[in-house]
Amino acid sequence: MPSFSEMREGDYAERTVAVTEAVLEAFAAVSGDYNPMHMDESYASRSVFRRRVAHGMLPGAFVGAVLGTLLPGPGTVYLSQTLIFRAPVYIGDSVTARVEIASKDEGTGRILLRTTARGPGGALVLDGEAVILFRPADGA
């Protein structure tokens, strides 16, 4: 994990996650979101998507995982996040969440990051920006 001073604009980290039935069920259990669009094939087949779609916040959670574990990593305090949902994610898709340092403020320890998630074929499924405060634990 780089220190604040070692981080540079353009640095990025990515994580790819397969969206399986088990991942979808676990997310529904944790979030409490059992919308039939996500959980019921019969209902979803009559929707605009014609099949079940993953929760929109699922790729957003993947972005959060990159922030908290890879870049900037432990010591990340989420201050804000914008999300624009560009395309649906389906069961069986793999999603690559990416965060990239756009700018940082040495005085405050804040970092602005571009955040994206891409699905099959590199299709953009989500984008936005996050602002974090970087404050690693003492001795970390």
C-alpha atoms as a PDB file:
ATOM      1  CA  MET A   1       0.000   0.000   0.000  1.00  0.00           C
ATOM      2  CA  PRO A   2       1.520   3.346  -0.994  1.00  0.00           C
ATOM      3  CA  SER A   3       1.785   6.192   1.463  1.00  0.00           C
ATOM      4  CA  PHE A   4      -0.075   9.415   0.748  1.00  0.00           C
ATOM      5  CA  SER A   5       3.089  11.084  -0.553  1.00  0.00           C
ATOM      6  CA  GLU A   6       3.818   8.139  -2.887  1.00  0.00           C
ATOM      7  CA  MET A   7       0.389   8.273  -4.543  1.00  0.00           C
ATOM      8  CA  ARG A   8       0.268  10.117  -7.871  1.00  0.00           C
ATOM      9  CA  GLU A   9      -2.439  11.352 -10.216  1.00  0.00           C
ATOM     10  CA  GLY A  10      -3.150   8.561 -12.672  1.00  0.00           C
ATOM     11  CA  ASP A  11      -2.360   5.747 -10.219  1.00  0.00           C
ATOM     12  CA  TYR A  12      -5.121   3.174 -10.332  1.00  0.00           C
ATOM     13  CA  ALA A  13      -6.221  -0.183  -8.995  1.00  0.00           C
ATOM     14  CA  GLU A  14      -8.752  -2.709 -10.260  1.00  0.00           C
ATOM     15  CA  ARG A  15     -10.574  -5.756  -9.006  1.00  0.00           C
ATOM     16  CA  THR A  16     -12.668  -8.158 -11.070  1.00  0.00           C
ATOM     17  CA  VAL A  17     -15.580 -10.018  -9.514  1.00  0.00           C
ATOM     18  CA  ALA A  18     -17.829 -12.650 -11.082  1.00  0.00           C
ATOM     19  CA  VAL A  19     -21.497 -11.909 -10.416  1.00  0.00           C
ATOM     20  CA  THR A  20     -22.816 -15.325  -9.468  1.00  0.00           C
ATOM     21  CA  GLU A  21     -26.130 -16.401  -8.024  1.00  0.00           C
ATOM     22  CA  ALA A  22     -24.403 -16.721  -4.637  1.00  0.00           C
ATOM     23  CA  VAL A  23     -23.020 -13.154  -4.844  1.00  0.00           C
ATOM     24  CA  LEU A  24     -26.469 -11.807  -5.740  1.00  0.00           C
ATOM     25  CA  GLU A  25     -28.143 -13.709  -2.893  1.00  0.00           C
ATOM     26  CA  ALA A  26     -25.497 -12.567  -0.393  1.00  0.00           C
ATOM     27  CA  PHE A  27     -25.899  -8.935  -1.487  1.00  0.00           C
ATOM     28  CA  ALA A  28     -29.687  -9.186  -1.165  1.00  0.00           C
ATOM     29  CA  ALA A  29     -29.308 -10.655   2.320  1.00  0.00           C
ATOM     30  CA  VAL A  30     -26.901  -7.954   3.477  1.00  0.00           C
ATOM     31  CA  SER A  31     -28.754  -5.034   1.866  1.00  0.00           C
ATOM     32  CA  GLY A  32     -32.284  -6.289   2.434  1.00  0.00           C
ATOM     33  CA  ASP A  33     -33.077  -5.517  -1.213  1.00  0.00           C
ATOM     34  CA  TYR A  34     -35.182  -8.408  -2.469  1.00  0.00           C
ATOM     35  CA  ASN A  35     -36.695  -6.498  -5.391  1.00  0.00           C
ATOM     36  CA  PRO A  36     -38.084  -9.186  -7.718  1.00  0.00           C
ATOM     37  CA  MET A  37     -36.171  -7.528 -10.576  1.00  0.00           C
ATOM     38  CA  HIS A  38     -33.107  -9.108  -8.949  1.00  0.00           C
ATOM     39  CA  MET A  39     -34.532 -12.233  -7.366  1.00  0.00           C
ATOM     40  CA  ASP A  40     -37.475 -13.555  -9.399  1.00  0.00           C
ATOM     41  CA  GLU A  41     -36.889 -14.773 -12.948  1.00  0.00           C
ATOM     42  CA  SER A  42     -40.598 -14.804 -13.801  1.00  0.00           C
ATOM     43  CA  TYR A  43     -41.066 -11.205 -12.716  1.00  0.00           C
ATOM     44  CA  ALA A  44     -37.808 -10.046 -14.323  1.00  0.00           C
ATOM     45  CA  SER A  45     -38.700 -11.737 -17.628  1.00  0.00           C
ATOM     46  CA  ARG A  46     -41.577  -9.245 -17.963  1.00  0.00           C
ATOM     47  CA  SER A  47     -39.375  -6.251 -17.129  1.00  0.00           C
ATOM     48  CA  VAL A  48     -37.516  -3.876 -19.420  1.00  0.00           C
ATOM     49  CA  PHE A  49     -34.416  -6.086 -18.994  1.00  0.00           C
ATOM     50  CA  ARG A  50     -36.203  -9.358 -19.877  1.00  0.00           C
ATOM     51  CA  ARG A  51     -34.150 -11.221 -17.244  1.00  0.00           C
ATOM     52  CA  ARG A  52     -32.839 -10.777 -13.736  1.00  0.00           C
ATOM     53  CA  VAL A  53     -30.342  -7.978 -13.198  1.00  0.00           C
ATOM     54  CA  ALA A  54     -27.887  -7.447 -10.387  1.00  0.00           C
ATOM     55  CA  HIS A  55     -28.540  -4.708  -7.878  1.00  0.00           C
ATOM     56  CA  GLY A  56     -27.260  -1.380  -9.180  1.00  0.00           C
ATOM     57  CA  MET A  57     -25.315  -0.837  -5.981  1.00  0.00           C
ATOM     58  CA  LEU A  58     -23.463  -4.141  -6.359  1.00  0.00           C
ATOM     59  CA  PRO A  59     -20.799  -2.739  -8.723  1.00  0.00           C
ATOM     60  CA  GLY A  60     -20.760   0.325  -6.473  1.00  0.00           C
ATOM     61  CA  ALA A  61     -19.859  -1.961  -3.580  1.00  0.00           C
ATOM     62  CA  PHE A  62     -17.065  -3.440  -5.710  1.00  0.00           C
ATOM     63  CA  VAL A  63     -15.705   0.102  -6.163  1.00  0.00           C
ATOM     64  CA  GLY A  64     -15.838   0.581  -2.387  1.00  0.00           C
ATOM     65  CA  ALA A  65     -13.874  -2.620  -1.908  1.00  0.00           C
ATOM     66  CA  VAL A  66     -11.109  -1.379  -4.218  1.00  0.00           C
ATOM     67  CA  LEU A  67     -10.948   1.912  -2.315  1.00  0.00           C
ATOM     68  CA  GLY A  68     -10.748   0.242   1.074  1.00  0.00           C
ATOM     69  CA  THR A  69      -8.336  -2.557   0.232  1.00  0.00           C
ATOM     70  CA  LEU A  70      -6.205  -1.616  -2.780  1.00  0.00           C
ATOM     71  CA  LEU A  71      -6.062   2.116  -3.548  1.00  0.00           C
ATOM     72  CA  PRO A  72      -5.743   4.080  -1.427  1.00  0.00           C
ATOM     73  CA  GLY A  73      -6.328   1.036   0.824  1.00  0.00           C
ATOM     74  CA  PRO A  74      -6.557   0.732   4.601  1.00  0.00           C
ATOM     75  CA  GLY A  75      -7.008   4.166   6.103  1.00  0.00           C
ATOM     76  CA  THR A  76      -9.548   5.209   3.478  1.00  0.00           C
ATOM     77  CA  VAL A  77     -12.495   7.128   4.900  1.00  0.00           C
ATOM     78  CA  TYR A  78     -15.294   7.505   2.330  1.00  0.00           C
ATOM     79  CA  LEU A  79     -16.587  11.093   2.265  1.00  0.00           C
ATOM     80  CA  SER A  80     -18.713  11.084  -0.886  1.00  0.00           C
ATOM     81  CA  GLN A  81     -19.468   9.092  -4.018  1.00  0.00           C
ATOM     82  CA  THR A  82     -21.401   9.896  -7.168  1.00  0.00           C
ATOM     83  CA  LEU A  83     -22.649   6.997  -9.270  1.00  0.00           C
ATOM     84  CA  ILE A  84     -24.116   7.039 -12.740  1.00  0.00           C
ATOM     85  CA  PHE A  85     -25.588   3.719 -13.803  1.00  0.00           C
ATOM     86  CA  ARG A  86     -24.824   3.200 -17.491  1.00  0.00           C
ATOM     87  CA  ALA A  87     -25.848  -0.405 -18.225  1.00  0.00           C
ATOM     88  CA  PRO A  88     -27.274  -3.418 -16.410  1.00  0.00           C
ATOM     89  CA  VAL A  89     -25.206  -6.199 -14.901  1.00  0.00           C
ATOM     90  CA  TYR A  90     -26.502  -9.749 -15.276  1.00  0.00           C
ATOM     91  CA  ILE A  91     -25.844 -12.971 -13.413  1.00  0.00           C
ATOM     92  CA  GLY A  92     -22.801 -14.555 -15.018  1.00  0.00           C
ATOM     93  CA  ASP A  93     -21.153 -11.236 -15.893  1.00  0.00           C
ATOM     94  CA  SER A  94     -17.726 -10.373 -14.585  1.00  0.00           C
ATOM     95  CA  VAL A  95     -17.375  -6.784 -13.413  1.00  0.00           C
ATOM     96  CA  THR A  96     -14.091  -4.917 -13.127  1.00  0.00           C
ATOM     97  CA  ALA A  97     -14.190  -2.054 -10.630  1.00  0.00           C
ATOM     98  CA  ARG A  98     -11.486   0.573 -11.076  1.00  0.00           C
ATOM     99  CA  VAL A  99     -10.450   3.619  -9.081  1.00  0.00           C
ATOM    100  CA  GLU A 100      -7.986   6.179 -10.397  1.00  0.00           C
ATOM    101  CA  ILE A 101      -6.485   9.108  -8.549  1.00  0.00           C
ATOM    102  CA  ALA A 102      -7.656  12.334 -10.193  1.00  0.00           C
ATOM    103  CA  SER A 103      -6.154  14.723  -7.656  1.00  0.00           C
ATOM    104  CA  LYS A 104      -5.036  14.922  -4.055  1.00  0.00           C
ATOM    105  CA  ASP A 105      -4.727  17.652  -1.464  1.00  0.00           C
ATOM    106  CA  GLU A 106      -1.599  17.359   0.675  1.00  0.00           C
ATOM    107  CA  GLY A 107      -2.987  19.790   3.242  1.00  0.00           C
ATOM    108  CA  THR A 108      -6.212  17.949   4.003  1.00  0.00           C
ATOM    109  CA  GLY A 109      -5.317  14.373   3.058  1.00  0.00           C
ATOM    110  CA  ARG A 110      -8.290  14.275   0.685  1.00  0.00           C
ATOM    111  CA  ILE A 111      -8.132  12.419  -2.607  1.00  0.00           C
ATOM    112  CA  LEU A 112     -10.515  12.736  -5.562  1.00  0.00           C
ATOM    113  CA  LEU A 113     -10.859   9.479  -7.488  1.00  0.00           C
ATOM    114  CA  ARG A 114     -12.526   8.576 -10.772  1.00  0.00           C
ATOM    115  CA  THR A 115     -14.544   5.418 -10.257  1.00  0.00           C
ATOM    116  CA  THR A 116     -15.771   3.016 -12.916  1.00  0.00           C
ATOM    117  CA  ALA A 117     -17.093  -0.481 -13.302  1.00  0.00           C
ATOM    118  CA  ARG A 118     -16.981  -2.350 -16.586  1.00  0.00           C
ATOM    119  CA  GLY A 119     -18.788  -5.496 -17.618  1.00  0.00           C
ATOM    120  CA  PRO A 120     -18.382  -7.948 -20.485  1.00  0.00           C
ATOM    121  CA  GLY A 121     -16.437  -6.586 -23.434  1.00  0.00           C
ATOM    122  CA  GLY A 122     -15.350  -3.586 -21.378  1.00  0.00           C
ATOM    123  CA  ALA A 123     -18.851  -2.074 -21.435  1.00  0.00           C
ATOM    124  CA  LEU A 124     -19.154   0.766 -18.933  1.00  0.00           C
ATOM    125  CA  VAL A 125     -21.822  -0.166 -16.379  1.00  0.00           C
ATOM    126  CA  LEU A 126     -21.133   2.522 -13.792  1.00  0.00           C
ATOM    127  CA  ASP A 127     -19.024   5.639 -13.389  1.00  0.00           C
ATOM    128  CA  GLY A 128     -18.620   8.490 -10.983  1.00  0.00           C
ATOM    129  CA  GLU A 129     -16.273  10.165  -8.552  1.00  0.00           C
ATOM    130  CA  ALA A 130     -15.334   9.517  -4.955  1.00  0.00           C
ATOM    131  CA  VAL A 131     -13.798  11.795  -2.387  1.00  0.00           C
ATOM    132  CA  ILE A 132     -11.925  10.112   0.419  1.00  0.00           C
ATOM    133  CA  LEU A 133      -9.892  11.144   3.400  1.00  0.00           C
ATOM    134  CA  PHE A 134      -6.725   9.088   3.789  1.00  0.00           C
ATOM    135  CA  ARG A 135      -5.917   8.432   7.427  1.00  0.00           C
ATOM    136  CA  PRO A 136      -4.102   5.108   8.027  1.00  0.00           C
ATOM    137  CA  ALA A 137      -4.031   3.743  11.559  1.00  0.00           C
ATOM    138  CA  ASP A 138      -1.028   4.791  13.646  1.00  0.00           C
ATOM    139  CA  GLY A 139       1.963   2.623  12.810  1.00  0.00           C
ATOM    140  CA  ALA A 140       0.367   1.323   9.601  1.00  0.00           C
END
